[in-house]
């Protein structure tokens, strides 16, 4: 059999330049059939889409890194904290062994002196206030860190002045940083309605921050307190102080999911953000603490009175749309024993916890944790 018979059915070899052949394989060319043209058009479109997506992803990652870098640059203003978490270091004005009955004639007891003491901006806050006069404090959860040793919650707290519109004031720092520039993660900010200033502060300071999912900035990692009582025992302490204070420490007394709108429950919702000063009959301390205990996922043995100071941290709870995850903490006093409080933390049975209707519709009367980045 001749060699000619072996090759008679093969197509004529294309001896054109390799680059030309490469282009012709992917780009519609004269003589292509309709199916071949469609294949090439789809391929070219896919390449263009891939390049555009790659460019978007690159910009996205650059933005994420920029936000993380910015957050770390602000952390340099962090106050000097007393590393000792024992109660004898709580608050520079606390005098655990003071006997008020020993005050001499004409002298005020220590408690009265504290009440009338002038509120002066502390040294640690002066540079921050120069940068932005809306800075009213600093918040940190000590030891609650990423792999690099940076605290997840370690931020200045801002408060926009209330000038006629609560929503406008409270929304101001939702997407702005301390320099008032656009910032996707937003700032940590206090409710505007009762100012934190030289004249005083609310009995309960409500502090807001975004849940940024996988980015992990702002108040995102507060979601980890849904994971169980062990993390509460590990990180029970929140360091928070206004610009008029030093070394103030709070212990967590409640964590719960909350409805943000009347339509989300079949009873009157717990509008925790409206409990600012407890001398308001409508928003009294007793009503507030009863709801905190009723909805909290955990219990603890800690004495709470209307005379104590509190902070309430609020962020989004994404397991159910438009709900909030709330953490409440009480300022430690000389009579509080932190070790005993931590030992008393217990997981409450789901059956004893009140969950709003929208939560029950999705998860039943059960706790649910889907990870901090959810």
Protein backbone atom coordinates (compact mmCIF):
# COMPACT_ATOMS: atom_id res chain seq x y z
CA UNK A 1 0.00 0.00 0.00
CA UNK A 2 1.47 3.33 -0.99
CA UNK A 3 2.04 6.18 1.41
CA UNK A 4 -0.42 8.24 -0.66
CA UNK A 5 -3.28 5.99 0.44
CA UNK A 6 -2.31 6.51 4.09
CA UNK A 7 -2.67 10.28 3.92
CA UNK A 8 -5.28 10.83 1.23
CA UNK A 9 -8.08 11.62 3.74
CA UNK A 10 -6.10 14.10 5.88
CA UNK A 11 -6.72 17.85 5.58
CA UNK A 12 -4.07 19.95 4.03
CA UNK A 13 -1.61 21.11 6.70
CA UNK A 14 -1.89 24.79 7.70
CA UNK A 15 1.63 26.20 7.39
CA UNK A 16 0.73 29.79 8.24
CA UNK A 17 2.48 31.66 11.09
CA UNK A 18 1.74 30.21 14.56
CA UNK A 19 0.49 33.56 15.85
CA UNK A 20 -1.98 33.82 12.96
CA UNK A 21 -3.20 30.29 13.59
CA UNK A 22 -3.64 31.10 17.31
CA UNK A 23 -5.71 34.18 16.53
CA UNK A 24 -7.83 32.32 13.97
CA UNK A 25 -8.61 29.64 16.56
CA UNK A 26 -10.18 32.14 18.97
CA UNK A 27 -11.39 35.01 16.78
CA UNK A 28 -14.11 34.77 14.10
CA UNK A 29 -12.43 34.45 10.69
CA UNK A 30 -13.45 34.44 7.08
CA UNK A 31 -14.70 31.01 6.10
CA UNK A 32 -15.78 29.98 9.62
CA UNK A 33 -19.08 28.13 9.94
CA UNK A 34 -21.90 29.60 12.03
CA UNK A 35 -21.31 27.24 14.97
CA UNK A 36 -17.62 28.08 14.94
CA UNK A 37 -18.37 31.81 14.95
CA UNK A 38 -20.73 31.41 17.91
CA UNK A 39 -18.12 29.39 19.81
CA UNK A 40 -15.50 32.05 19.25
CA UNK A 41 -17.82 34.92 20.23
CA UNK A 42 -18.75 33.16 23.46
CA UNK A 43 -15.10 32.52 24.20
CA UNK A 44 -14.08 36.15 23.58
CA UNK A 45 -16.98 37.38 25.73
CA UNK A 46 -15.91 35.04 28.53
CA UNK A 47 -12.34 36.36 28.39
CA UNK A 48 -13.54 39.96 28.57
CA UNK A 49 -15.84 39.14 31.49
CA UNK A 50 -13.03 37.36 33.30
CA UNK A 51 -10.65 40.30 32.92
CA UNK A 52 -13.31 42.72 34.16
CA UNK A 53 -14.07 40.50 37.15
CA UNK A 54 -10.38 40.15 37.95
CA UNK A 55 -10.03 43.92 37.88
CA UNK A 56 -13.06 44.33 40.18
CA UNK A 57 -11.68 41.70 42.57
CA UNK A 58 -8.32 43.46 42.68
CA UNK A 59 -9.98 46.80 43.51
CA UNK A 60 -12.16 45.05 46.08
CA UNK A 61 -9.18 43.49 47.85
CA UNK A 62 -7.27 46.77 47.75
CA UNK A 63 -10.24 48.51 49.38
CA UNK A 64 -10.44 45.83 52.07
CA UNK A 65 -6.74 46.16 52.85
CA UNK A 66 -7.02 49.93 52.93
CA UNK A 67 -9.83 49.68 55.50
CA UNK A 68 -7.81 47.31 57.65
CA UNK A 69 -4.73 49.53 57.44
CA UNK A 70 -6.77 52.59 58.37
CA UNK A 71 -8.24 50.87 61.42
CA UNK A 72 -4.75 49.94 62.61
CA UNK A 73 -3.49 53.48 62.06
CA UNK A 74 -6.18 54.82 64.41
CA UNK A 75 -5.29 52.25 67.08
CA UNK A 76 -2.14 54.25 67.85
CA UNK A 77 -4.35 56.63 69.83
CA UNK A 78 -5.41 53.87 72.22
CA UNK A 79 -5.27 54.96 75.87
CA UNK A 80 -2.80 53.42 78.30
CA UNK A 81 -4.82 50.83 80.17
CA UNK A 82 -4.07 49.28 83.50
CA UNK A 83 -3.40 45.65 82.58
CA UNK A 84 -4.54 44.47 86.02
CA UNK A 85 -8.19 43.51 85.69
CA UNK A 86 -8.70 43.19 89.44
CA UNK A 87 -11.27 45.44 90.98
CA UNK A 88 -8.77 47.54 92.91
CA UNK A 89 -7.81 49.10 89.55
CA UNK A 90 -11.31 49.89 88.38
CA UNK A 91 -11.70 53.61 87.79
CA UNK A 92 -9.25 56.18 89.02
CA UNK A 93 -11.79 57.62 91.46
CA UNK A 94 -12.90 54.35 93.07
CA UNK A 95 -11.90 54.02 96.71
CA UNK A 96 -12.89 50.48 97.73
CA UNK A 97 -11.98 50.83 101.40
CA UNK A 98 -13.25 54.38 101.90
CA UNK A 99 -15.53 54.84 104.92
CA UNK A 100 -17.75 57.82 104.18
CA UNK A 101 -18.64 58.17 107.83
CA UNK A 102 -15.08 59.31 108.52
CA UNK A 103 -15.50 62.57 106.61
CA UNK A 104 -14.64 65.48 108.87
CA UNK A 105 -16.89 68.45 109.66
CA UNK A 106 -17.69 70.39 106.52
CA UNK A 107 -16.13 67.72 104.28
CA UNK A 108 -18.15 65.91 101.60
CA UNK A 109 -18.14 62.10 101.59
CA UNK A 110 -16.17 60.59 98.71
CA UNK A 111 -19.35 59.63 96.81
CA UNK A 112 -20.55 63.24 96.83
CA UNK A 113 -17.14 64.50 95.78
CA UNK A 114 -17.26 62.18 92.75
CA UNK A 115 -20.70 63.46 91.79
CA UNK A 116 -19.58 67.10 91.82
CA UNK A 117 -16.09 66.58 90.43
CA UNK A 118 -15.47 68.62 87.28
CA UNK A 119 -15.27 66.57 84.10
CA UNK A 120 -12.06 67.45 82.31
CA UNK A 121 -10.80 65.97 79.02
CA UNK A 122 -8.04 63.49 79.86
CA UNK A 123 -4.59 63.64 78.28
CA UNK A 124 -5.03 60.44 76.30
CA UNK A 125 -7.96 61.96 74.39
CA UNK A 126 -6.58 65.38 73.50
CA UNK A 127 -4.94 64.42 70.19
CA UNK A 128 -8.04 62.51 69.15
CA UNK A 129 -10.28 65.48 69.85
CA UNK A 130 -7.96 67.71 67.82
CA UNK A 131 -8.46 65.31 64.93
CA UNK A 132 -12.24 65.20 65.42
CA UNK A 133 -14.16 67.00 68.14
CA UNK A 134 -16.93 64.35 67.89
CA UNK A 135 -14.71 61.81 69.69
CA UNK A 136 -16.30 61.02 73.07
CA UNK A 137 -14.53 57.84 74.20
CA UNK A 138 -12.65 54.64 73.45
CA UNK A 139 -13.78 51.00 73.52
CA UNK A 140 -11.74 47.81 73.62
CA UNK A 141 -12.20 44.13 74.43
CA UNK A 142 -8.79 43.15 75.84
CA UNK A 143 -7.21 39.96 74.58
CA UNK A 144 -9.86 39.40 71.90
CA UNK A 145 -7.34 39.35 69.04
CA UNK A 146 -6.58 38.16 65.51
CA UNK A 147 -3.53 36.05 64.63
CA UNK A 148 -1.36 39.18 64.51
CA UNK A 149 -2.25 40.11 68.08
CA UNK A 150 -4.46 43.05 67.06
CA UNK A 151 -7.67 43.44 69.07
CA UNK A 152 -10.85 43.01 67.04
CA UNK A 153 -12.62 45.67 69.10
CA UNK A 154 -10.27 48.60 69.72
CA UNK A 155 -11.73 51.87 68.48
CA UNK A 156 -12.50 55.47 69.32
CA UNK A 157 -16.17 56.17 69.92
CA UNK A 158 -17.76 59.16 68.20
CA UNK A 159 -21.03 60.98 68.83
CA UNK A 160 -22.58 63.37 66.32
CA UNK A 161 -24.40 66.28 67.91
CA UNK A 162 -28.18 66.00 67.88
CA UNK A 163 -29.52 68.99 65.97
CA UNK A 164 -33.14 68.21 65.22
CA UNK A 165 -32.98 64.77 63.56
CA UNK A 166 -31.99 61.66 65.50
CA UNK A 167 -31.67 59.56 62.33
CA UNK A 168 -29.49 62.12 60.59
CA UNK A 169 -27.15 62.41 63.58
CA UNK A 170 -26.97 58.66 64.28
CA UNK A 171 -26.49 57.80 60.59
CA UNK A 172 -23.66 60.28 60.08
CA UNK A 173 -20.84 57.90 60.98
CA UNK A 174 -22.40 54.79 59.43
CA UNK A 175 -20.12 55.20 56.41
CA UNK A 176 -17.60 57.78 57.63
CA UNK A 177 -14.29 57.41 59.43
CA UNK A 178 -12.86 59.61 62.15
CA UNK A 179 -11.68 62.04 59.46
CA UNK A 180 -15.28 62.27 58.14
CA UNK A 181 -14.31 60.66 54.83
CA UNK A 182 -16.20 57.80 53.18
CA UNK A 183 -15.37 54.53 54.91
CA UNK A 184 -17.36 51.37 54.23
CA UNK A 185 -16.82 49.97 57.72
CA UNK A 186 -18.05 53.18 59.30
CA UNK A 187 -17.08 54.31 62.79
CA UNK A 188 -18.12 53.16 66.25
CA UNK A 189 -20.56 55.77 67.50
CA UNK A 190 -22.77 56.51 70.50
CA UNK A 191 -26.46 57.33 70.34
CA UNK A 192 -26.82 61.07 69.82
CA UNK A 193 -29.86 61.92 71.94
CA UNK A 194 -28.11 62.32 75.32
CA UNK A 195 -24.73 64.01 74.87
CA UNK A 196 -21.53 62.77 76.48
CA UNK A 197 -19.91 66.02 77.56
CA UNK A 198 -18.53 67.99 80.48
CA UNK A 199 -22.00 68.02 82.05
CA UNK A 200 -22.39 64.24 82.22
CA UNK A 201 -23.45 61.19 80.21
CA UNK A 202 -26.39 58.76 79.91
CA UNK A 203 -26.97 56.06 82.50
CA UNK A 204 -26.84 53.60 79.62
CA UNK A 205 -24.71 54.52 76.59
CA UNK A 206 -25.89 52.76 73.43
CA UNK A 207 -22.94 52.21 71.07
CA UNK A 208 -23.37 51.17 67.44
CA UNK A 209 -21.08 49.48 64.93
CA UNK A 210 -21.43 47.61 61.62
CA UNK A 211 -21.25 43.87 61.12
CA UNK A 212 -18.89 43.67 58.10
CA UNK A 213 -19.03 39.90 57.52
CA UNK A 214 -15.78 38.46 56.07
CA UNK A 215 -13.91 41.79 56.36
CA UNK A 216 -14.14 41.51 60.15
CA UNK A 217 -13.86 45.22 60.99
CA UNK A 218 -16.02 47.35 63.27
CA UNK A 219 -18.31 45.26 65.55
CA UNK A 220 -18.27 42.13 63.34
CA UNK A 221 -16.57 39.88 65.89
CA UNK A 222 -19.17 40.57 68.56
CA UNK A 223 -21.06 37.80 66.74
CA UNK A 224 -18.63 35.32 68.29
CA UNK A 225 -20.45 35.78 71.59
CA UNK A 226 -23.23 33.71 70.00
CA UNK A 227 -20.93 30.69 69.90
CA UNK A 228 -21.47 29.70 73.52
CA UNK A 229 -20.74 30.58 77.11
CA UNK A 230 -17.03 29.66 76.86
CA UNK A 231 -16.16 32.80 74.88
CA UNK A 232 -18.04 34.90 77.42
CA UNK A 233 -15.95 33.39 80.19
CA UNK A 234 -12.80 34.04 78.16
CA UNK A 235 -13.61 37.66 77.28
CA UNK A 236 -16.02 38.97 79.94
CA UNK A 237 -14.48 42.43 80.14
CA UNK A 238 -15.06 45.52 78.00
CA UNK A 239 -12.81 48.50 78.56
CA UNK A 240 -14.76 51.64 77.80
CA UNK A 241 -14.17 55.16 78.94
CA UNK A 242 -15.38 58.56 77.90
CA UNK A 243 -12.81 61.25 77.15
CA UNK A 244 -13.34 62.46 80.72
CA UNK A 245 -12.29 59.15 82.31
CA UNK A 246 -9.38 56.77 82.74
CA UNK A 247 -9.26 52.99 83.14
CA UNK A 248 -12.97 52.25 83.25
CA UNK A 249 -14.01 48.59 82.96
CA UNK A 250 -17.33 46.93 82.31
CA UNK A 251 -18.42 43.32 82.71
CA UNK A 252 -20.88 41.71 80.28
CA UNK A 253 -24.25 40.92 81.85
CA UNK A 254 -26.34 39.98 78.81
CA UNK A 255 -26.21 38.99 75.12
CA UNK A 256 -29.32 38.66 72.95
CA UNK A 257 -30.95 39.03 69.55
CA UNK A 258 -33.45 41.85 69.29
CA UNK A 259 -36.11 43.05 66.88
CA UNK A 260 -35.46 46.44 65.32
CA UNK A 261 -39.01 47.17 64.15
CA UNK A 262 -42.50 46.71 65.60
CA UNK A 263 -43.46 44.46 62.68
CA UNK A 264 -40.87 41.86 63.72
CA UNK A 265 -42.69 40.62 66.79
CA UNK A 266 -46.22 39.86 67.91
CA UNK A 267 -45.81 41.75 71.20
CA UNK A 268 -44.28 45.14 71.98
CA UNK A 269 -40.62 44.88 71.02
CA UNK A 270 -37.78 45.54 73.47
CA UNK A 271 -36.60 48.90 72.11
CA UNK A 272 -33.34 48.72 74.05
CA UNK A 273 -31.86 51.74 72.24
CA UNK A 274 -34.38 54.08 73.91
CA UNK A 275 -33.28 53.24 77.45
CA UNK A 276 -30.79 56.04 78.02
CA UNK A 277 -31.55 57.56 81.43
CA UNK A 278 -33.44 55.47 83.94
CA UNK A 279 -35.35 58.34 85.54
CA UNK A 280 -37.84 58.12 82.66
CA UNK A 281 -40.93 56.20 83.83
CA UNK A 282 -41.58 54.87 80.32
CA UNK A 283 -38.01 53.63 80.01
CA UNK A 284 -37.30 52.68 83.59
CA UNK A 285 -34.40 50.62 84.86
CA UNK A 286 -36.67 47.81 86.07
CA UNK A 287 -38.25 47.37 82.64
CA UNK A 288 -34.84 47.48 81.00
CA UNK A 289 -33.07 44.95 83.20
CA UNK A 290 -36.08 42.60 83.12
CA UNK A 291 -35.96 42.53 79.31
CA UNK A 292 -32.17 42.10 79.23
CA UNK A 293 -32.47 39.06 81.50
CA UNK A 294 -35.49 37.65 79.68
CA UNK A 295 -33.81 37.75 76.26
CA UNK A 296 -30.19 37.04 77.22
CA UNK A 297 -28.63 33.79 76.00
CA UNK A 298 -26.61 33.62 79.22
CA UNK A 299 -27.12 34.26 82.91
CA UNK A 300 -24.73 35.49 85.60
CA UNK A 301 -24.67 36.51 89.24
CA UNK A 302 -24.08 40.23 89.28
CA UNK A 303 -25.93 42.89 91.23
CA UNK A 304 -27.35 45.58 88.93
CA UNK A 305 -29.01 48.76 90.15
CA UNK A 306 -30.26 51.97 88.57
CA UNK A 307 -27.32 53.77 90.17
CA UNK A 308 -24.79 51.77 88.12
CA UNK A 309 -23.49 52.81 84.69
CA UNK A 310 -24.05 50.62 81.63
CA UNK A 311 -23.11 50.33 77.96
CA UNK A 312 -25.13 48.56 75.28
CA UNK A 313 -23.31 47.44 72.12
CA UNK A 314 -25.51 47.01 69.05
CA UNK A 315 -24.74 45.48 65.64
CA UNK A 316 -26.57 43.54 62.92
CA UNK A 317 -27.57 39.90 63.37
CA UNK A 318 -27.54 38.34 59.91
CA UNK A 319 -29.05 34.96 60.77
CA UNK A 320 -32.36 36.76 60.29
CA UNK A 321 -32.64 39.88 58.17
CA UNK A 322 -32.87 43.25 59.94
CA UNK A 323 -32.35 41.95 63.47
CA UNK A 324 -29.77 43.12 65.98
CA UNK A 325 -27.21 41.38 68.17
CA UNK A 326 -26.89 43.22 71.48
CA UNK A 327 -24.35 42.99 74.29
CA UNK A 328 -24.96 44.76 77.59
CA UNK A 329 -22.26 45.47 80.17
CA UNK A 330 -22.19 47.07 83.61
CA UNK A 331 -19.39 49.30 84.89
CA UNK A 332 -17.50 47.43 87.59
CA UNK A 333 -17.56 48.84 91.09
CA UNK A 334 -15.54 48.09 94.18
CA UNK A 335 -18.21 45.69 95.45
CA UNK A 336 -18.11 43.51 92.31
CA UNK A 337 -15.97 40.37 92.25
CA UNK A 338 -15.02 39.72 88.65
CA UNK A 339 -13.84 36.16 89.25
CA UNK A 340 -17.14 35.20 90.88
CA UNK A 341 -19.12 36.84 88.08
CA UNK A 342 -17.19 34.90 85.43
CA UNK A 343 -17.64 31.64 87.36
CA UNK A 344 -21.38 32.29 87.47
CA UNK A 345 -21.81 32.58 83.68
CA UNK A 346 -24.18 29.87 82.47
CA UNK A 347 -25.78 28.96 79.16
CA UNK A 348 -29.52 29.48 79.49
CA UNK A 349 -31.79 26.75 78.10
CA UNK A 350 -33.43 27.84 74.84
CA UNK A 351 -36.84 27.23 76.39
CA UNK A 352 -36.17 30.00 78.95
CA UNK A 353 -35.07 32.62 76.39
CA UNK A 354 -37.45 35.00 74.67
CA UNK A 355 -36.80 35.18 70.92
CA UNK A 356 -38.71 37.69 68.74
CA UNK A 357 -41.25 36.26 66.30
CA UNK A 358 -39.13 36.80 63.15
CA UNK A 359 -36.35 34.75 64.75
CA UNK A 360 -38.74 31.98 65.79
CA UNK A 361 -40.14 31.87 62.24
CA UNK A 362 -36.69 30.93 60.93
CA UNK A 363 -34.90 29.10 63.73
CA UNK A 364 -37.68 28.20 66.15
CA UNK A 365 -37.12 28.89 69.84
CA UNK A 366 -33.43 28.09 69.52
CA UNK A 367 -30.06 29.82 69.58
CA UNK A 368 -28.17 29.78 66.29
CA UNK A 369 -24.57 30.65 65.42
CA UNK A 370 -23.42 30.42 61.80
CA UNK A 371 -19.94 31.87 62.26
CA UNK A 372 -18.77 35.44 62.82
CA UNK A 373 -18.46 36.18 59.08
CA UNK A 374 -22.03 35.14 58.22
